Amino acid sequence: MYTSAMRAVFVMLKTDLGHVTEVANAIAEIDSFSEAYSISGQYDLLVKLYVDDMNGLGRLIEREIHPIPHIRETYTLLTFEAFGSSKQ
């Protein structure tokens, strides 16, 4: 559940060929999950998470995302300020 103290984090993922839906469904089970999109370009998925502890973000990526089968690579983007939205 989102609270105003939480920060949005985006993670782009490369998956093994043919496993985008499987990976997206597994990531949707993570507590901090907000939404995921299949995307074009160098990465296959764009995942939005909300975290309340930026110090724990590395652990979240390492312990909850990296172990998901068929993820080949991740790229994490931190956010600072949201514009045009009621969520930060």
C-alpha atoms as a PDB file:
ATOM      1  CA  MET A   1       0.000   0.000   0.000  1.00  0.00           C
ATOM      2  CA  TYR A   2       1.280   3.428  -0.979  1.00  0.00           C
ATOM      3  CA  THR A   3       1.931   6.104   1.643  1.00  0.00           C
ATOM      4  CA  SER A   4       3.173   9.657   1.084  1.00  0.00           C
ATOM      5  CA  ALA A   5       6.542   8.791   2.638  1.00  0.00           C
ATOM      6  CA  MET A   6       7.225   6.163  -0.045  1.00  0.00           C
ATOM      7  CA  ARG A   7       9.350   6.757  -3.114  1.00  0.00           C
ATOM      8  CA  ALA A   8       8.722   5.450  -6.618  1.00  0.00           C
ATOM      9  CA  VAL A   9      11.512   3.360  -8.101  1.00  0.00           C
ATOM     10  CA  PHE A  10      11.581   2.026 -11.655  1.00  0.00           C
ATOM     11  CA  VAL A  11      13.380  -1.153 -12.616  1.00  0.00           C
ATOM     12  CA  MET A  12      13.961  -2.098 -16.236  1.00  0.00           C
ATOM     13  CA  LEU A  13      14.423  -5.808 -16.844  1.00  0.00           C
ATOM     14  CA  LYS A  14      15.813  -7.954 -19.628  1.00  0.00           C
ATOM     15  CA  THR A  15      14.219 -11.394 -19.707  1.00  0.00           C
ATOM     16  CA  ASP A  16      14.917 -14.626 -21.505  1.00  0.00           C
ATOM     17  CA  LEU A  17      13.092 -14.821 -24.818  1.00  0.00           C
ATOM     18  CA  GLY A  18       9.437 -15.797 -24.370  1.00  0.00           C
ATOM     19  CA  HIS A  19       9.309 -15.247 -20.596  1.00  0.00           C
ATOM     20  CA  VAL A  20       8.128 -11.626 -20.227  1.00  0.00           C
ATOM     21  CA  THR A  21       4.658 -12.528 -18.943  1.00  0.00           C
ATOM     22  CA  GLU A  22       6.008 -15.131 -16.520  1.00  0.00           C
ATOM     23  CA  VAL A  23       8.526 -12.658 -15.078  1.00  0.00           C
ATOM     24  CA  ALA A  24       5.930  -9.861 -14.860  1.00  0.00           C
ATOM     25  CA  ASN A  25       3.520 -12.126 -12.991  1.00  0.00           C
ATOM     26  CA  ALA A  26       6.251 -13.145 -10.527  1.00  0.00           C
ATOM     27  CA  ILE A  27       7.250  -9.526  -9.901  1.00  0.00           C
ATOM     28  CA  ALA A  28       3.591  -8.611  -9.301  1.00  0.00           C
ATOM     29  CA  GLU A  29       3.778 -10.776  -6.155  1.00  0.00           C
ATOM     30  CA  ILE A  30       6.400  -8.496  -4.535  1.00  0.00           C
ATOM     31  CA  ASP A  31       4.939  -6.330  -1.752  1.00  0.00           C
ATOM     32  CA  SER A  32       6.346  -3.069  -3.112  1.00  0.00           C
ATOM     33  CA  PHE A  33       5.015  -3.728  -6.650  1.00  0.00           C
ATOM     34  CA  SER A  34       2.849  -1.025  -8.232  1.00  0.00           C
ATOM     35  CA  GLU A  35       2.694  -1.794 -11.970  1.00  0.00           C
ATOM     36  CA  ALA A  36       4.632  -3.282 -14.877  1.00  0.00           C
ATOM     37  CA  TYR A  37       4.714  -2.620 -18.608  1.00  0.00           C
ATOM     38  CA  SER A  38       6.200  -4.524 -21.520  1.00  0.00           C
ATOM     39  CA  ILE A  39       8.401  -2.075 -23.413  1.00  0.00           C
ATOM     40  CA  SER A  40      10.386  -1.796 -26.623  1.00  0.00           C
ATOM     41  CA  GLY A  41      14.105  -1.210 -26.816  1.00  0.00           C
ATOM     42  CA  GLN A  42      16.982  -2.798 -24.964  1.00  0.00           C
ATOM     43  CA  TYR A  43      14.827  -3.935 -22.037  1.00  0.00           C
ATOM     44  CA  ASP A  44      11.650  -6.012 -21.952  1.00  0.00           C
ATOM     45  CA  LEU A  45       9.823  -4.799 -18.836  1.00  0.00           C
ATOM     46  CA  LEU A  46       9.467  -1.540 -16.935  1.00  0.00           C
ATOM     47  CA  VAL A  47       8.444  -2.147 -13.329  1.00  0.00           C
ATOM     48  CA  LYS A  48       7.287   0.519 -10.876  1.00  0.00           C
ATOM     49  CA  LEU A  49       7.840  -0.151  -7.187  1.00  0.00           C
ATOM     50  CA  TYR A  50       7.148   1.974  -4.132  1.00  0.00           C
ATOM     51  CA  VAL A  51       9.710   1.736  -1.328  1.00  0.00           C
ATOM     52  CA  ASP A  52       9.798   3.400   2.055  1.00  0.00           C
ATOM     53  CA  ASP A  53      13.411   2.487   2.822  1.00  0.00           C
ATOM     54  CA  MET A  54      15.901   3.530   0.145  1.00  0.00           C
ATOM     55  CA  ASN A  55      18.636   1.839   2.193  1.00  0.00           C
ATOM     56  CA  GLY A  56      16.831  -1.470   1.715  1.00  0.00           C
ATOM     57  CA  LEU A  57      16.376  -1.059  -2.033  1.00  0.00           C
ATOM     58  CA  GLY A  58      19.529  -3.014  -2.849  1.00  0.00           C
ATOM     59  CA  ARG A  59      18.347  -5.899  -0.696  1.00  0.00           C
ATOM     60  CA  LEU A  60      14.924  -5.811  -2.370  1.00  0.00           C
ATOM     61  CA  ILE A  61      16.494  -6.011  -5.832  1.00  0.00           C
ATOM     62  CA  GLU A  62      19.009  -8.659  -4.777  1.00  0.00           C
ATOM     63  CA  ARG A  63      16.695 -10.862  -2.702  1.00  0.00           C
ATOM     64  CA  GLU A  64      13.300 -10.471  -4.367  1.00  0.00           C
ATOM     65  CA  ILE A  65      13.905  -9.610  -8.018  1.00  0.00           C
ATOM     66  CA  HIS A  66      17.213 -11.209  -9.020  1.00  0.00           C
ATOM     67  CA  PRO A  67      16.169 -14.728  -7.900  1.00  0.00           C
ATOM     68  CA  ILE A  68      13.134 -14.716 -10.238  1.00  0.00           C
ATOM     69  CA  PRO A  69      13.842 -17.178 -13.056  1.00  0.00           C
ATOM     70  CA  HIS A  70      14.453 -15.840 -16.577  1.00  0.00           C
ATOM     71  CA  ILE A  71      15.664 -12.364 -15.542  1.00  0.00           C
ATOM     72  CA  ARG A  72      18.937 -11.686 -17.343  1.00  0.00           C
ATOM     73  CA  GLU A  73      19.641  -8.087 -16.317  1.00  0.00           C
ATOM     74  CA  THR A  74      18.177  -5.225 -14.291  1.00  0.00           C
ATOM     75  CA  TYR A  75      18.647  -1.462 -14.426  1.00  0.00           C
ATOM     76  CA  THR A  76      17.272   0.576 -11.511  1.00  0.00           C
ATOM     77  CA  LEU A  77      16.159   4.207 -11.755  1.00  0.00           C
ATOM     78  CA  LEU A  78      15.652   6.256  -8.595  1.00  0.00           C
ATOM     79  CA  THR A  79      13.118   9.077  -8.522  1.00  0.00           C
ATOM     80  CA  PHE A  80      13.341  12.412  -6.750  1.00  0.00           C
ATOM     81  CA  GLU A  81      10.181  14.418  -7.355  1.00  0.00           C
ATOM     82  CA  ALA A  82       6.880  13.615  -9.069  1.00  0.00           C
ATOM     83  CA  PHE A  83       5.166  16.148 -11.297  1.00  0.00           C
ATOM     84  CA  GLY A  84       1.498  16.210 -12.238  1.00  0.00           C
ATOM     85  CA  SER A  85       0.501  13.401  -9.911  1.00  0.00           C
ATOM     86  CA  SER A  86      -0.929  13.050  -6.438  1.00  0.00           C
ATOM     87  CA  LYS A  87       1.600  10.257  -5.755  1.00  0.00           C
ATOM     88  CA  GLN A  88       5.286  11.012  -5.258  1.00  0.00           C
END
